[in-house]
N, C-alpha and C. Protein backbone atom coordinates (compact mmCIF):
# COMPACT_ATOMS: atom_id res chain seq x y z
N MET A 1 8.09 3.64 -0.90
CA MET A 1 8.41 2.89 -2.09
C MET A 1 9.93 2.90 -2.23
N LYS A 2 10.50 1.78 -2.51
CA LYS A 2 11.96 1.67 -2.60
C LYS A 2 12.49 1.90 -4.01
N ALA A 3 11.73 1.50 -5.02
CA ALA A 3 12.19 1.66 -6.40
C ALA A 3 11.32 2.70 -7.10
N LYS A 4 11.88 3.36 -8.09
CA LYS A 4 11.06 4.31 -8.82
C LYS A 4 10.03 3.55 -9.66
N ALA A 5 8.88 4.17 -9.83
CA ALA A 5 7.75 3.50 -10.48
C ALA A 5 7.82 3.64 -12.00
N THR A 6 8.91 3.21 -12.56
CA THR A 6 9.07 3.20 -14.01
C THR A 6 9.70 1.88 -14.41
N THR A 7 9.60 1.57 -15.67
CA THR A 7 10.29 0.38 -16.16
C THR A 7 11.37 0.82 -17.13
N SER A 8 12.28 -0.07 -17.40
CA SER A 8 13.36 0.25 -18.32
C SER A 8 13.07 -0.32 -19.71
N GLU A 9 11.84 -0.67 -19.97
CA GLU A 9 11.46 -1.24 -21.26
C GLU A 9 11.13 -0.14 -22.26
N GLY A 10 12.12 0.49 -22.80
CA GLY A 10 11.89 1.51 -23.80
C GLY A 10 12.07 2.91 -23.25
N PRO A 11 11.98 3.90 -24.14
CA PRO A 11 12.27 5.28 -23.75
C PRO A 11 11.17 5.91 -22.89
N GLU A 12 9.93 5.41 -22.95
CA GLU A 12 8.85 6.01 -22.17
C GLU A 12 8.67 5.27 -20.85
N ALA A 13 8.50 6.01 -19.78
CA ALA A 13 8.31 5.40 -18.47
C ALA A 13 6.88 4.87 -18.37
N GLN A 14 6.75 3.73 -17.73
CA GLN A 14 5.43 3.15 -17.50
C GLN A 14 4.97 3.55 -16.11
N THR A 15 3.77 4.05 -15.99
CA THR A 15 3.20 4.30 -14.67
C THR A 15 2.29 3.13 -14.32
N PHE A 16 2.13 2.91 -13.04
CA PHE A 16 1.37 1.75 -12.58
C PHE A 16 0.01 2.14 -12.01
N PHE A 17 -0.12 3.36 -11.55
CA PHE A 17 -1.38 3.82 -10.95
C PHE A 17 -1.92 5.00 -11.75
N ARG A 18 -3.23 5.13 -11.76
CA ARG A 18 -3.89 6.25 -12.44
C ARG A 18 -4.85 6.93 -11.46
N PRO A 19 -4.30 7.71 -10.52
CA PRO A 19 -5.17 8.35 -9.53
C PRO A 19 -6.07 9.39 -10.17
N ARG A 20 -7.28 9.50 -9.65
CA ARG A 20 -8.19 10.52 -10.16
C ARG A 20 -8.06 11.82 -9.39
N ARG A 21 -7.54 11.73 -8.16
CA ARG A 21 -7.31 12.95 -7.39
C ARG A 21 -6.46 12.61 -6.17
N LEU A 22 -5.92 13.65 -5.54
CA LEU A 22 -5.22 13.51 -4.27
C LEU A 22 -6.28 13.22 -3.21
N GLY A 23 -6.11 12.16 -2.45
CA GLY A 23 -7.08 11.79 -1.42
C GLY A 23 -6.88 12.59 -0.15
N HIS A 24 -5.67 12.54 0.42
CA HIS A 24 -5.35 13.33 1.60
C HIS A 24 -3.84 13.35 1.81
N VAL A 25 -3.44 14.22 2.71
CA VAL A 25 -2.05 14.32 3.13
C VAL A 25 -2.02 14.06 4.62
N ASN A 26 -1.04 13.30 5.08
CA ASN A 26 -0.90 13.01 6.50
C ASN A 26 0.47 13.51 6.94
N LEU A 27 0.47 14.33 7.98
CA LEU A 27 1.69 14.95 8.47
C LEU A 27 2.01 14.50 9.89
N VAL A 28 3.29 14.31 10.17
CA VAL A 28 3.76 14.12 11.54
C VAL A 28 4.07 15.52 12.06
N VAL A 29 3.53 15.86 13.23
CA VAL A 29 3.71 17.20 13.80
C VAL A 29 4.21 17.08 15.23
N ASP A 30 4.79 18.17 15.74
CA ASP A 30 5.28 18.18 17.11
C ASP A 30 4.15 18.34 18.12
N ASP A 31 3.06 19.03 17.74
CA ASP A 31 1.96 19.30 18.66
C ASP A 31 0.65 19.28 17.87
N VAL A 32 -0.14 18.24 18.04
CA VAL A 32 -1.39 18.10 17.27
C VAL A 32 -2.35 19.25 17.56
N ASP A 33 -2.53 19.61 18.82
CA ASP A 33 -3.50 20.66 19.15
C ASP A 33 -3.11 21.99 18.53
N ARG A 34 -1.84 22.35 18.63
CA ARG A 34 -1.37 23.60 18.04
C ARG A 34 -1.50 23.57 16.52
N SER A 35 -1.18 22.43 15.91
CA SER A 35 -1.28 22.30 14.46
C SER A 35 -2.74 22.35 14.01
N MET A 36 -3.63 21.71 14.76
CA MET A 36 -5.07 21.77 14.44
C MET A 36 -5.54 23.22 14.46
N ASP A 37 -5.14 23.95 15.50
CA ASP A 37 -5.52 25.37 15.60
C ASP A 37 -5.04 26.15 14.39
N PHE A 38 -3.79 25.92 13.97
CA PHE A 38 -3.25 26.63 12.81
C PHE A 38 -4.08 26.36 11.57
N TYR A 39 -4.34 25.09 11.28
CA TYR A 39 -5.07 24.76 10.05
C TYR A 39 -6.52 25.23 10.08
N MET A 40 -7.10 25.37 11.27
CA MET A 40 -8.47 25.88 11.36
C MET A 40 -8.49 27.41 11.31
N GLU A 41 -7.64 28.06 12.13
CA GLU A 41 -7.69 29.51 12.28
C GLU A 41 -7.00 30.27 11.15
N VAL A 42 -5.92 29.72 10.63
CA VAL A 42 -5.16 30.42 9.59
C VAL A 42 -5.55 29.94 8.19
N VAL A 43 -5.61 28.63 8.00
CA VAL A 43 -5.89 28.07 6.68
C VAL A 43 -7.39 28.03 6.39
N GLY A 44 -8.21 27.87 7.42
CA GLY A 44 -9.65 27.88 7.22
C GLY A 44 -10.29 26.51 7.05
N LEU A 45 -9.55 25.44 7.41
CA LEU A 45 -10.14 24.11 7.33
C LEU A 45 -11.03 23.87 8.55
N GLU A 46 -11.88 22.86 8.46
CA GLU A 46 -12.75 22.51 9.57
C GLU A 46 -12.25 21.24 10.24
N GLU A 47 -12.41 21.20 11.56
CA GLU A 47 -12.04 19.99 12.28
C GLU A 47 -13.03 18.89 11.92
N ALA A 48 -12.52 17.75 11.49
CA ALA A 48 -13.37 16.60 11.22
C ALA A 48 -13.54 15.79 12.50
N TYR A 49 -12.42 15.45 13.13
CA TYR A 49 -12.45 14.76 14.42
C TYR A 49 -11.05 14.68 14.99
N ARG A 50 -10.96 14.38 16.28
CA ARG A 50 -9.68 14.19 16.97
C ARG A 50 -9.68 12.82 17.63
N ARG A 51 -8.49 12.28 17.78
CA ARG A 51 -8.30 11.01 18.48
C ARG A 51 -7.24 11.24 19.57
N PRO A 52 -7.65 11.84 20.69
CA PRO A 52 -6.68 12.22 21.73
C PRO A 52 -5.82 11.06 22.25
N LYS A 53 -6.38 9.86 22.37
CA LYS A 53 -5.61 8.74 22.91
C LYS A 53 -4.42 8.37 22.04
N VAL A 54 -4.53 8.61 20.72
CA VAL A 54 -3.41 8.31 19.83
C VAL A 54 -2.74 9.57 19.30
N LYS A 55 -3.14 10.73 19.88
CA LYS A 55 -2.55 12.02 19.53
C LYS A 55 -2.64 12.29 18.03
N ALA A 56 -3.88 12.32 17.53
CA ALA A 56 -4.10 12.55 16.11
C ALA A 56 -5.31 13.48 15.93
N GLY A 57 -5.30 14.20 14.83
CA GLY A 57 -6.41 15.07 14.47
C GLY A 57 -6.59 15.08 12.96
N PHE A 58 -7.82 15.35 12.53
CA PHE A 58 -8.14 15.28 11.10
C PHE A 58 -8.96 16.49 10.72
N LEU A 59 -8.63 17.06 9.56
CA LEU A 59 -9.26 18.29 9.09
C LEU A 59 -9.83 18.07 7.69
N SER A 60 -10.86 18.86 7.37
CA SER A 60 -11.50 18.73 6.07
C SER A 60 -11.74 20.10 5.45
N ASN A 61 -11.65 20.14 4.13
CA ASN A 61 -12.06 21.33 3.41
C ASN A 61 -13.40 21.08 2.72
N GLY A 62 -14.07 20.00 3.12
CA GLY A 62 -15.38 19.67 2.58
C GLY A 62 -15.36 18.62 1.49
N ASN A 63 -14.18 18.17 1.07
CA ASN A 63 -14.10 17.15 0.02
C ASN A 63 -14.33 15.74 0.55
N THR A 64 -13.72 15.43 1.70
CA THR A 64 -13.82 14.09 2.25
C THR A 64 -13.92 14.19 3.77
N HIS A 65 -13.98 13.04 4.42
CA HIS A 65 -14.03 13.03 5.89
C HIS A 65 -12.74 13.56 6.49
N HIS A 66 -11.64 13.52 5.75
CA HIS A 66 -10.44 14.27 6.14
C HIS A 66 -9.55 14.47 4.92
N ASP A 67 -9.11 15.71 4.78
CA ASP A 67 -8.20 16.07 3.69
C ASP A 67 -6.77 16.18 4.20
N ILE A 68 -6.63 16.49 5.49
CA ILE A 68 -5.33 16.51 6.14
C ILE A 68 -5.45 15.72 7.44
N GLY A 69 -4.52 14.82 7.65
CA GLY A 69 -4.42 14.10 8.91
C GLY A 69 -3.14 14.51 9.61
N LEU A 70 -3.21 14.67 10.91
CA LEU A 70 -2.05 15.06 11.70
C LEU A 70 -1.83 14.01 12.79
N VAL A 71 -0.61 13.53 12.92
CA VAL A 71 -0.26 12.63 14.01
C VAL A 71 0.93 13.22 14.75
N GLU A 72 0.86 13.14 16.08
CA GLU A 72 1.93 13.71 16.88
C GLU A 72 3.14 12.78 16.91
N SER A 73 4.31 13.38 16.77
CA SER A 73 5.55 12.62 16.67
C SER A 73 5.73 11.63 17.82
N ASP A 74 5.41 12.05 19.03
CA ASP A 74 5.65 11.16 20.17
C ASP A 74 4.44 10.28 20.49
N GLY A 75 3.44 10.27 19.63
CA GLY A 75 2.27 9.43 19.84
C GLY A 75 2.42 8.07 19.18
N PRO A 76 1.45 7.17 19.45
CA PRO A 76 1.52 5.82 18.89
C PRO A 76 1.53 5.78 17.36
N LEU A 77 0.85 6.71 16.71
CA LEU A 77 0.84 6.73 15.24
C LEU A 77 2.08 7.41 14.67
N GLY A 78 2.63 8.38 15.40
CA GLY A 78 3.85 9.07 14.95
C GLY A 78 5.09 8.23 15.11
N GLN A 79 5.09 7.33 16.07
CA GLN A 79 6.17 6.38 16.30
C GLN A 79 7.55 7.02 16.39
N GLY A 80 7.61 8.24 16.95
CA GLY A 80 8.89 8.90 17.14
C GLY A 80 9.51 9.49 15.89
N ARG A 81 8.78 9.45 14.78
CA ARG A 81 9.33 10.04 13.55
C ARG A 81 9.40 11.56 13.70
N PRO A 82 10.35 12.19 13.04
CA PRO A 82 10.43 13.66 13.10
C PRO A 82 9.26 14.29 12.35
N ALA A 83 8.97 15.53 12.68
CA ALA A 83 7.90 16.26 12.01
C ALA A 83 8.17 16.32 10.51
N GLY A 84 7.13 16.16 9.73
CA GLY A 84 7.24 16.20 8.28
C GLY A 84 6.16 15.36 7.63
N LEU A 85 6.33 15.10 6.37
CA LEU A 85 5.35 14.32 5.62
C LEU A 85 5.36 12.87 6.07
N ASN A 86 4.20 12.35 6.44
CA ASN A 86 4.06 10.93 6.77
C ASN A 86 3.67 10.17 5.51
N HIS A 87 2.61 10.60 4.84
CA HIS A 87 2.24 9.98 3.57
C HIS A 87 1.24 10.85 2.82
N THR A 88 1.14 10.57 1.55
CA THR A 88 0.07 11.14 0.72
C THR A 88 -0.77 9.97 0.23
N ALA A 89 -2.04 10.22 0.07
CA ALA A 89 -2.95 9.17 -0.40
C ALA A 89 -3.62 9.67 -1.67
N PHE A 90 -3.67 8.81 -2.65
CA PHE A 90 -4.32 9.13 -3.91
C PHE A 90 -5.58 8.29 -4.05
N GLU A 91 -6.60 8.88 -4.60
CA GLU A 91 -7.87 8.17 -4.81
C GLU A 91 -7.92 7.63 -6.23
N LEU A 92 -8.18 6.35 -6.33
CA LEU A 92 -8.37 5.72 -7.64
C LEU A 92 -9.86 5.54 -7.87
N GLU A 93 -10.21 5.17 -9.07
CA GLU A 93 -11.63 5.05 -9.42
C GLU A 93 -12.34 3.98 -8.58
N THR A 94 -11.69 2.81 -8.40
CA THR A 94 -12.31 1.73 -7.63
C THR A 94 -11.24 0.98 -6.85
N GLU A 95 -11.65 0.21 -5.86
CA GLU A 95 -10.71 -0.64 -5.13
C GLU A 95 -10.18 -1.75 -6.02
N VAL A 96 -10.99 -2.21 -6.95
CA VAL A 96 -10.55 -3.23 -7.91
C VAL A 96 -9.37 -2.70 -8.72
N GLU A 97 -9.46 -1.45 -9.15
CA GLU A 97 -8.37 -0.82 -9.90
C GLU A 97 -7.12 -0.70 -9.03
N LEU A 98 -7.30 -0.32 -7.76
CA LEU A 98 -6.17 -0.21 -6.84
C LEU A 98 -5.44 -1.54 -6.72
N VAL A 99 -6.18 -2.62 -6.49
CA VAL A 99 -5.56 -3.94 -6.33
C VAL A 99 -4.86 -4.37 -7.62
N ALA A 100 -5.50 -4.17 -8.76
CA ALA A 100 -4.89 -4.55 -10.05
C ALA A 100 -3.61 -3.75 -10.31
N ASP A 101 -3.65 -2.44 -10.04
CA ASP A 101 -2.47 -1.60 -10.24
C ASP A 101 -1.34 -1.99 -9.30
N TYR A 102 -1.69 -2.27 -8.04
CA TYR A 102 -0.70 -2.70 -7.06
C TYR A 102 -0.06 -4.02 -7.49
N ASP A 103 -0.87 -4.97 -7.89
CA ASP A 103 -0.34 -6.27 -8.34
C ASP A 103 0.59 -6.11 -9.54
N ARG A 104 0.24 -5.22 -10.46
CA ARG A 104 1.07 -4.98 -11.64
C ARG A 104 2.41 -4.36 -11.23
N ALA A 105 2.38 -3.43 -10.29
CA ALA A 105 3.62 -2.80 -9.82
C ALA A 105 4.52 -3.82 -9.12
N ILE A 106 3.94 -4.66 -8.26
CA ILE A 106 4.71 -5.70 -7.57
C ILE A 106 5.34 -6.66 -8.58
N ALA A 107 4.56 -7.05 -9.59
CA ALA A 107 5.07 -7.98 -10.61
C ALA A 107 6.23 -7.36 -11.39
N ALA A 108 6.26 -6.03 -11.47
CA ALA A 108 7.34 -5.34 -12.18
C ALA A 108 8.55 -5.07 -11.29
N GLY A 109 8.46 -5.49 -10.01
CA GLY A 109 9.61 -5.31 -9.13
C GLY A 109 9.57 -4.09 -8.24
N ILE A 110 8.46 -3.37 -8.23
CA ILE A 110 8.35 -2.21 -7.35
C ILE A 110 8.15 -2.71 -5.92
N GLU A 111 8.90 -2.13 -4.97
CA GLU A 111 8.79 -2.52 -3.57
C GLU A 111 8.18 -1.36 -2.80
N PHE A 112 7.25 -1.67 -1.92
CA PHE A 112 6.61 -0.68 -1.07
C PHE A 112 7.02 -0.92 0.37
N ASP A 113 7.39 0.16 1.08
CA ASP A 113 7.79 0.03 2.49
C ASP A 113 6.60 -0.30 3.38
N ARG A 114 5.49 0.32 3.13
CA ARG A 114 4.28 0.09 3.92
C ARG A 114 3.07 0.53 3.13
């Protein structure tokens, strides 16, 4: 996102989305296999699935099909980005709400990178 998600119309900031929970976190890592091992053996998450051809792995704590996604920096999904946060995903009540909130943010001048 390029602009902050507030408006300048008055002293209170306007929010555009009302997430009901954090959906998942996606991280760029240097080594997917090593990172998968860490999150399973140390943190206690379960492997949901791996995608070796794109150097990605997904872990779950039982809430969703994946609560943490890992993509390797030098893989097709990592696109050479340095290790760190790739994105966070928030779950809204419905897809209709997501589209309406997105449209409202765009109309207010909020720009999204991707």
